[in-house]
Amino acid sequence: MPNILETYDALWVIPYATAVGPIVAIFSSLMFTSLADRRVDAQKLLGILTLSGSVFLWLSFSVLSWGWSPWWYVFMQGCNALISAPMWALLTKIALVNTDDPQKNFPLYRIWGTLGWLFAGVLVSWLALDESALAGKLGAGVRLGLGGLCFMLPRTPPKGNRARSLKEALGLSAFSLFENRSLRVYFVTSMLFAAPLAAHYMYAPMLLKQLEELGRHEGVVAGVLTWLLPGPTAQMSLGQITELVAMLIMSWLGARARVKPLVVLAMVFGLTRFALYAAAGHYGLITLMWLGVSLHGPTYTFFSITGQMFVDRRVSEGMRGQAQALLGLLSGSIGHTTGALSCGLLFSATQAGQTWLGWTIFWSILALVIVFCLGYFVVGYNQKQSSTD
């Protein structure tokens, strides 16, 4: 996204473009997943939302190629997010409900999402679309196909009771999960951890592009990697390659997986990733950047996938969709919105993107934020509260 927006003289809008999705998702995630828990088959709702959102996804990139104001891009992405925000929560619910052994099999199903992300990233660079709005239009076309496939998923009927109040209809009853200390600490940690994570998506491709232009990478391995992954979008998919390995590890662990050590390990990986980004900016070495991007896979898997399975086994059947949506609301909406806006301000204040020192300061400050998240989780999470934690 940063390289595409820069091509259309719209890089200045990236904090707002990143934040608008999480903001509008606040209003839709819990409400739609409440429908799936109480009134509508989850796979049907997922198909309807996917097809509807693809229209606005196509329009958001079309307005860039048409030369419209970048604010139209922000508006169309907001409409897309309003409709599409519950997609991951609904898909997660469908997979977990219809899986015999979720602790073992869910990571194996989730691997296919990682493969899709990996293939898309490599394809964009192979087609030389790293800086073209056509990449987003192709994504909208893929989503149309996805919408049709959603109706072929296993039937997942609602298990909860009909809403008896406006609070239940809007999905706000999910906030009662905060009464459980383990869930509360994980929810808050997810929200805090998502803030610095926003910078990975917003600015890591931009730093990769600058380091690629600098040309300080030699050796056979570097040559082969740049040949296979010829652009920043493809090189960002290094995180999906390591994510595949992490998913397999999660499947092997199965029910033996414990939340606290895996989440701590994930945040240590996340801290190391930003430290490598800071070093890459300081020394101008793209190889350090590649190592950092590679750590994104285990960071995401050990934090998010562990959390999704943990939340699923700690709530009742009639609350599972809303619980996943609440997790997405706190991390994807509130956390990412705060992160997008604050990272945008920090990016400008440190002059990252303009000087190599600015990049180093930028990533170093975000690494310190992760240290704070890690400290909060270690102190607050009570692993002895339940044997399933």
Protein backbone atom coordinates (compact mmCIF):
# COMPACT_ATOMS: atom_id res chain seq x y z
CA MET A 1 0.00 0.00 0.00
CA PRO A 2 2.68 2.63 0.80
CA ASN A 3 4.44 2.13 -2.52
CA ILE A 4 1.16 2.22 -4.45
CA LEU A 5 -0.01 5.38 -2.70
CA GLU A 6 3.36 7.04 -3.29
CA THR A 7 2.99 6.37 -7.03
CA TYR A 8 -0.28 8.30 -7.07
CA ASP A 9 1.09 11.16 -4.91
CA ALA A 10 -1.04 10.03 -1.98
CA LEU A 11 1.49 8.71 0.55
CA TRP A 12 0.41 11.41 3.01
CA VAL A 13 -2.95 9.68 3.39
CA ILE A 14 -1.56 6.32 4.57
CA PRO A 15 -2.24 6.84 8.32
CA TYR A 16 -5.89 7.62 7.56
CA ALA A 17 -6.19 4.80 5.00
CA THR A 18 -4.79 2.35 7.54
CA ALA A 19 -6.94 3.64 10.38
CA VAL A 20 -10.30 3.94 8.61
CA GLY A 21 -10.84 0.18 8.35
CA PRO A 22 -10.37 -0.52 12.05
CA ILE A 23 -12.51 2.50 12.98
CA VAL A 24 -15.58 1.47 10.97
CA ALA A 25 -15.08 -2.19 11.95
CA ILE A 26 -15.97 -1.18 15.50
CA PHE A 27 -19.56 -0.74 14.35
CA SER A 28 -19.92 -3.93 12.32
CA SER A 29 -17.82 -6.79 13.71
CA LEU A 30 -19.81 -7.54 16.85
CA MET A 31 -23.17 -6.87 15.21
CA PHE A 32 -22.65 -9.21 12.24
CA THR A 33 -21.10 -11.99 14.30
CA SER A 34 -23.99 -11.68 16.76
CA LEU A 35 -26.26 -12.44 13.79
CA ALA A 36 -24.19 -15.56 13.04
CA ASP A 37 -24.42 -16.65 16.67
CA ARG A 38 -28.18 -16.06 16.97
CA ARG A 39 -30.05 -15.88 13.64
CA VAL A 40 -28.12 -16.60 10.39
CA ASP A 41 -25.94 -19.47 9.17
CA ALA A 42 -22.34 -18.27 9.41
CA GLN A 43 -21.31 -19.48 5.94
CA LYS A 44 -24.21 -17.64 4.24
CA LEU A 45 -23.44 -14.40 6.06
CA LEU A 46 -19.76 -14.76 5.17
CA GLY A 47 -20.61 -15.17 1.47
CA ILE A 48 -22.90 -12.14 1.39
CA LEU A 49 -20.37 -9.90 3.14
CA THR A 50 -17.50 -11.09 0.94
CA LEU A 51 -19.33 -10.40 -2.32
CA SER A 52 -20.55 -6.99 -1.14
CA GLY A 53 -17.16 -5.85 0.11
CA SER A 54 -15.39 -6.78 -3.14
CA VAL A 55 -17.25 -3.99 -4.96
CA PHE A 56 -15.85 -1.31 -2.66
CA LEU A 57 -12.39 -2.90 -2.71
CA TRP A 58 -12.36 -2.54 -6.50
CA LEU A 59 -13.62 1.04 -6.31
CA SER A 60 -11.00 2.06 -3.73
CA PHE A 61 -8.14 1.30 -6.14
CA SER A 62 -10.05 2.46 -9.20
CA VAL A 63 -10.39 6.01 -7.84
CA LEU A 64 -6.58 6.17 -7.58
CA SER A 65 -6.14 5.20 -11.23
CA TRP A 66 -8.91 7.62 -12.20
CA GLY A 67 -6.99 10.48 -10.60
CA TRP A 68 -9.61 11.28 -7.95
CA SER A 69 -8.72 12.80 -4.59
CA PRO A 70 -6.98 10.32 -2.24
CA TRP A 71 -9.79 10.95 0.24
CA TRP A 72 -12.02 8.91 -2.08
CA TYR A 73 -9.62 6.00 -1.58
CA VAL A 74 -10.01 6.37 2.19
CA PHE A 75 -13.81 6.53 1.86
CA MET A 76 -14.07 3.43 -0.35
CA GLN A 77 -11.74 1.46 1.91
CA GLY A 78 -13.91 2.49 4.84
CA CYS A 79 -17.04 1.16 3.10
CA ASN A 80 -15.18 -2.05 2.27
CA ALA A 81 -14.08 -2.49 5.88
CA LEU A 82 -17.55 -1.74 7.26
CA ILE A 83 -18.89 -4.71 5.31
CA SER A 84 -15.87 -7.00 5.41
CA ALA A 85 -14.64 -6.57 8.99
CA PRO A 86 -16.27 -9.77 10.37
CA MET A 87 -14.89 -12.03 7.59
CA TRP A 88 -11.96 -13.47 9.55
CA ALA A 89 -14.03 -13.92 12.71
CA LEU A 90 -16.75 -15.76 10.77
CA LEU A 91 -14.28 -17.93 8.90
CA THR A 92 -12.51 -18.77 12.16
CA LYS A 93 -15.82 -19.75 13.75
CA ILE A 94 -16.76 -21.99 10.79
CA ALA A 95 -13.39 -23.75 10.89
CA LEU A 96 -13.39 -24.28 14.66
CA VAL A 97 -17.01 -25.48 14.82
CA ASN A 98 -16.56 -28.01 12.01
CA THR A 99 -13.16 -29.36 13.10
CA ASP A 100 -13.00 -32.57 15.15
CA ASP A 101 -9.78 -31.65 16.97
CA PRO A 102 -9.43 -27.84 16.79
CA GLN A 103 -6.18 -27.67 18.78
CA LYS A 104 -4.46 -29.92 16.23
CA ASN A 105 -6.34 -29.29 12.99
CA PHE A 106 -7.16 -25.56 13.05
CA PRO A 107 -3.53 -24.51 12.31
CA LEU A 108 -3.55 -26.93 9.33
CA TYR A 109 -6.66 -25.25 7.92
CA ARG A 110 -5.21 -21.82 8.63
CA ILE A 111 -2.07 -22.72 6.63
CA TRP A 112 -4.07 -22.25 3.44
CA GLY A 113 -4.69 -18.61 4.31
CA THR A 114 -0.94 -18.20 4.71
CA LEU A 115 -0.34 -19.86 1.33
CA GLY A 116 -2.85 -17.49 -0.25
CA TRP A 117 -1.11 -14.46 1.24
CA LEU A 118 2.28 -15.82 0.15
CA PHE A 119 1.13 -16.49 -3.42
CA ALA A 120 -0.51 -13.07 -3.72
CA GLY A 121 2.60 -11.24 -2.52
CA VAL A 122 4.91 -13.08 -4.89
CA LEU A 123 2.48 -12.73 -7.81
CA VAL A 124 2.23 -8.95 -7.37
CA SER A 125 6.00 -8.56 -7.68
CA TRP A 126 6.32 -11.09 -10.51
CA LEU A 127 3.72 -9.05 -12.44
CA ALA A 128 5.59 -5.83 -11.52
CA LEU A 129 2.52 -4.41 -9.77
CA ASP A 130 4.24 -3.32 -6.54
CA GLU A 131 3.40 0.30 -7.33
CA SER A 132 0.20 -0.14 -9.35
CA ALA A 133 -3.47 0.14 -8.36
CA LEU A 134 -4.12 -2.87 -10.59
CA ALA A 135 -2.89 -5.07 -7.71
CA GLY A 136 -5.88 -3.99 -5.62
CA LYS A 137 -8.31 -4.50 -8.51
CA LEU A 138 -7.04 -8.06 -8.98
CA GLY A 139 -7.57 -8.60 -5.26
CA ALA A 140 -11.19 -7.54 -5.66
CA GLY A 141 -11.61 -10.10 -8.45
CA VAL A 142 -10.20 -12.85 -6.25
CA ARG A 143 -12.60 -11.85 -3.49
CA LEU A 144 -15.55 -12.25 -5.86
CA GLY A 145 -14.52 -15.86 -6.39
CA LEU A 146 -14.08 -16.30 -2.66
CA GLY A 147 -17.62 -15.04 -2.08
CA GLY A 148 -19.03 -17.82 -4.23
CA LEU A 149 -16.96 -20.48 -2.45
CA CYS A 150 -18.24 -19.33 0.94
CA PHE A 151 -21.69 -20.73 0.17
CA MET A 152 -20.07 -24.17 -0.32
CA LEU A 153 -18.61 -24.23 3.21
CA PRO A 154 -20.12 -26.62 5.82
CA ARG A 155 -23.42 -25.41 7.21
CA THR A 156 -22.77 -23.62 10.49
CA PRO A 157 -26.15 -22.75 12.06
CA PRO A 158 -26.54 -20.33 14.96
CA LYS A 159 -26.28 -21.92 18.40
CA GLY A 160 -27.18 -18.98 20.61
CA ASN A 161 -30.61 -17.80 21.74
CA ARG A 162 -32.47 -15.03 19.93
CA ALA A 163 -31.45 -11.56 21.06
CA ARG A 164 -33.64 -10.33 23.89
CA SER A 165 -32.33 -6.78 23.95
CA LEU A 166 -30.62 -4.19 21.78
CA LYS A 167 -27.39 -4.89 23.66
CA GLU A 168 -27.48 -8.55 22.63
CA ALA A 169 -28.52 -7.72 19.04
CA LEU A 170 -25.52 -5.42 18.64
CA GLY A 171 -23.20 -8.03 20.14
CA LEU A 172 -22.27 -5.85 23.12
CA SER A 173 -22.88 -8.72 25.54
CA ALA A 174 -19.48 -10.06 24.42
CA PHE A 175 -17.87 -7.50 26.72
CA SER A 176 -18.97 -9.66 29.66
CA LEU A 177 -15.96 -11.85 28.75
CA PHE A 178 -13.77 -9.22 30.43
CA GLU A 179 -14.90 -10.67 33.75
CA ASN A 180 -12.52 -13.58 33.12
CA ARG A 181 -9.02 -12.41 34.09
CA SER A 182 -7.12 -14.60 31.61
CA LEU A 183 -9.30 -13.45 28.71
CA ARG A 184 -9.14 -9.83 29.84
CA VAL A 185 -5.35 -9.77 29.98
CA TYR A 186 -5.03 -11.43 26.58
CA PHE A 187 -7.59 -9.05 25.04
CA VAL A 188 -5.79 -5.97 26.38
CA THR A 189 -2.38 -7.34 25.36
CA SER A 190 -3.70 -7.95 21.83
CA MET A 191 -4.89 -4.36 21.64
CA LEU A 192 -1.55 -2.97 22.86
CA PHE A 193 0.54 -5.29 20.66
CA ALA A 194 -1.47 -4.38 17.54
CA ALA A 195 -0.45 -0.71 17.78
CA PRO A 196 3.24 -1.11 16.85
CA LEU A 197 2.34 -3.98 14.50
CA ALA A 198 0.56 -1.47 12.25
CA ALA A 199 3.94 0.00 11.33
CA HIS A 200 5.05 -3.35 9.89
CA TYR A 201 2.34 -3.17 7.23
CA MET A 202 2.53 0.58 6.74
CA TYR A 203 6.25 1.23 6.41
CA ALA A 204 8.30 -2.00 6.14
CA PRO A 205 7.62 -2.24 2.36
CA MET A 206 8.81 1.33 1.99
CA LEU A 207 12.09 0.62 3.80
CA LEU A 208 12.55 -2.53 1.71
CA LYS A 209 12.18 -0.44 -1.44
CA GLN A 210 14.76 2.11 -0.27
CA LEU A 211 17.25 -0.59 0.73
CA GLU A 212 16.72 -2.34 -2.63
CA GLU A 213 17.55 0.92 -4.42
CA LEU A 214 20.66 1.28 -2.24
CA GLY A 215 21.90 -2.06 -3.60
CA ARG A 216 23.99 -3.20 -0.63
CA HIS A 217 23.40 -6.94 -0.89
CA GLU A 218 25.91 -9.37 -2.28
CA GLY A 219 26.39 -13.13 -2.33
CA VAL A 220 24.72 -16.14 -3.90
CA VAL A 221 21.89 -16.37 -1.36
CA ALA A 222 20.99 -12.69 -1.72
CA GLY A 223 21.12 -12.99 -5.50
CA VAL A 224 18.82 -16.02 -5.56
CA LEU A 225 16.38 -14.41 -3.13
CA THR A 226 16.10 -11.19 -5.13
CA TRP A 227 15.58 -13.26 -8.28
CA LEU A 228 12.79 -15.32 -6.70
CA LEU A 229 11.29 -12.36 -4.82
CA PRO A 230 12.00 -9.41 -7.11
CA GLY A 231 10.12 -6.63 -5.30
CA PRO A 232 9.17 -5.41 -1.82
CA THR A 233 5.71 -7.01 -1.96
CA ALA A 234 7.20 -10.42 -2.71
CA GLN A 235 9.94 -9.96 -0.10
CA MET A 236 7.30 -9.17 2.52
CA SER A 237 6.01 -12.71 1.89
CA LEU A 238 9.10 -14.08 3.68
CA GLY A 239 6.94 -13.71 6.78
CA GLN A 240 4.36 -16.07 5.28
CA ILE A 241 7.04 -18.68 4.50
CA THR A 242 8.09 -18.84 8.15
CA GLU A 243 4.42 -18.64 9.15
CA LEU A 244 3.87 -21.98 7.40
CA VAL A 245 6.53 -23.59 9.59
CA ALA A 246 5.06 -22.00 12.71
CA MET A 247 1.57 -23.30 11.81
CA LEU A 248 2.92 -26.84 11.50
CA ILE A 249 4.57 -26.48 14.90
CA MET A 250 1.23 -25.31 16.35
CA SER A 251 -0.53 -28.33 14.86
CA TRP A 252 2.11 -30.68 16.30
CA LEU A 253 1.76 -29.12 19.75
CA GLY A 254 -2.04 -29.46 19.62
CA ALA A 255 -3.65 -29.52 23.07
CA ARG A 256 -0.21 -29.42 24.67
CA ALA A 257 0.18 -25.79 23.62
CA ARG A 258 0.04 -23.35 26.54
CA VAL A 259 -0.93 -19.76 26.02
CA LYS A 260 1.58 -17.91 28.18
CA PRO A 261 4.91 -19.31 26.86
CA LEU A 262 3.78 -19.06 23.24
CA VAL A 263 2.52 -15.48 23.59
CA VAL A 264 5.73 -14.46 25.39
CA LEU A 265 7.79 -16.09 22.63
CA ALA A 266 5.73 -14.27 19.99
CA MET A 267 6.39 -10.89 21.57
CA VAL A 268 10.11 -11.65 21.87
CA PHE A 269 10.12 -12.44 18.15
CA GLY A 270 8.22 -9.19 17.50
CA LEU A 271 10.74 -7.22 19.54
CA THR A 272 13.65 -8.82 17.68
CA ARG A 273 11.97 -8.07 14.34
CA PHE A 274 11.80 -4.33 15.02
CA ALA A 275 15.37 -4.37 16.38
CA LEU A 276 16.50 -5.86 13.06
CA TYR A 277 14.51 -3.20 11.17
CA ALA A 278 16.27 -0.51 13.21
CA ALA A 279 19.66 -2.09 12.46
CA ALA A 280 18.78 -2.35 8.76
CA GLY A 281 18.08 1.39 8.72
CA HIS A 282 21.32 2.11 10.60
CA TYR A 283 23.62 -0.02 8.44
CA GLY A 284 21.66 0.15 5.18
CA LEU A 285 21.64 -3.65 4.84
CA ILE A 286 18.63 -5.28 3.24
CA THR A 287 19.65 -8.72 4.59
CA LEU A 288 18.85 -7.53 8.12
CA MET A 289 15.46 -6.42 6.84
CA TRP A 290 14.83 -9.85 5.33
CA LEU A 291 15.63 -11.51 8.66
CA GLY A 292 13.23 -9.17 10.43
CA VAL A 293 10.41 -9.81 7.94
CA SER A 294 10.99 -13.56 8.37
CA LEU A 295 10.24 -13.23 12.10
CA HIS A 296 6.77 -11.92 11.30
CA GLY A 297 5.55 -15.51 10.70
CA PRO A 298 6.17 -16.96 14.17
CA THR A 299 5.23 -13.62 15.74
CA TYR A 300 1.78 -13.70 14.17
CA THR A 301 1.18 -17.44 14.57
CA PHE A 302 2.24 -17.85 18.18
CA PHE A 303 0.31 -14.74 19.22
CA SER A 304 -2.85 -14.60 17.12
CA ILE A 305 -3.57 -18.25 16.27
CA THR A 306 -2.82 -19.30 19.85
CA GLY A 307 -5.18 -16.60 21.06
CA GLN A 308 -7.99 -17.55 18.68
CA MET A 309 -7.93 -21.17 19.85
CA PHE A 310 -7.63 -20.09 23.49
CA VAL A 311 -10.66 -17.79 23.21
CA ASP A 312 -12.68 -20.47 21.42
CA ARG A 313 -12.22 -23.05 24.18
CA ARG A 314 -12.95 -20.59 26.97
CA VAL A 315 -16.40 -19.40 25.80
CA SER A 316 -19.78 -21.08 25.26
CA GLU A 317 -20.99 -22.17 21.80
CA GLY A 318 -23.52 -19.36 21.64
CA MET A 319 -20.81 -16.75 22.18
CA ARG A 320 -17.96 -18.00 19.99
CA GLY A 321 -18.54 -15.78 16.97
CA GLN A 322 -18.89 -12.69 19.14
CA ALA A 323 -15.80 -13.64 21.16
CA GLN A 324 -13.70 -13.86 17.98
CA ALA A 325 -15.18 -10.56 16.82
CA LEU A 326 -14.37 -8.92 20.16
CA LEU A 327 -10.78 -10.10 19.80
CA GLY A 328 -10.71 -8.65 16.29
CA LEU A 329 -12.35 -5.45 17.51
CA LEU A 330 -9.74 -4.82 20.20
CA SER A 331 -6.69 -5.79 18.15
CA GLY A 332 -7.75 -5.10 14.58
CA SER A 333 -9.94 -2.06 15.24
CA ILE A 334 -8.89 -0.18 18.36
CA GLY A 335 -5.27 -1.40 18.35
CA HIS A 336 -4.66 -0.89 14.64
CA THR A 337 -6.46 2.47 14.57
CA THR A 338 -4.37 3.78 17.45
CA GLY A 339 -1.27 2.27 15.87
CA ALA A 340 -1.91 3.66 12.40
CA LEU A 341 -2.41 7.22 13.62
CA SER A 342 0.36 7.19 16.24
CA CYS A 343 2.84 5.45 13.90
CA GLY A 344 2.02 8.04 11.25
CA LEU A 345 2.85 10.84 13.68
CA LEU A 346 6.00 9.05 14.84
CA PHE A 347 7.06 8.49 11.21
CA SER A 348 6.86 12.22 10.55
CA ALA A 349 8.47 13.24 13.84
CA THR A 350 11.49 10.95 13.39
CA GLN A 351 11.85 11.81 9.68
CA ALA A 352 11.87 8.12 8.87
CA GLY A 353 11.85 7.62 5.12
CA GLN A 354 13.97 10.74 4.69
CA THR A 355 17.08 9.76 6.66
CA TRP A 356 18.58 6.42 7.69
CA LEU A 357 18.88 7.68 11.27
CA GLY A 358 15.17 8.43 11.20
CA TRP A 359 14.40 4.82 10.33
CA THR A 360 16.58 3.60 13.22
CA ILE A 361 14.89 5.86 15.76
CA PHE A 362 11.43 5.00 14.43
CA TRP A 363 11.80 1.22 14.77
CA SER A 364 13.68 1.48 18.08
CA ILE A 365 10.83 3.39 19.72
CA LEU A 366 8.32 0.80 18.49
CA ALA A 367 10.52 -1.97 19.90
CA LEU A 368 10.29 -0.28 23.32
CA VAL A 369 6.49 -0.30 23.03
CA ILE A 370 6.62 -4.09 22.60
CA VAL A 371 8.75 -4.34 25.74
CA PHE A 372 5.91 -2.61 27.61
CA CYS A 373 3.34 -5.05 26.13
CA LEU A 374 5.48 -8.00 27.16
CA GLY A 375 5.82 -6.72 30.72
CA TYR A 376 2.06 -6.20 31.07
CA PHE A 377 1.26 -9.72 29.87
CA VAL A 378 3.88 -11.47 31.99
CA VAL A 379 2.72 -9.70 35.15
CA GLY A 380 -1.02 -9.81 34.49
CA TYR A 381 -1.66 -13.26 33.01
CA ASN A 382 -2.53 -15.94 35.57
CA GLN A 383 -1.60 -19.28 33.99
CA LYS A 384 -2.77 -21.27 37.05
CA GLN A 385 -6.32 -19.98 36.72
CA SER A 386 -7.27 -22.88 34.43
CA SER A 387 -5.55 -26.02 33.23
CA THR A 388 -6.53 -25.13 29.67
CA ASP A 389 -4.63 -21.84 29.77
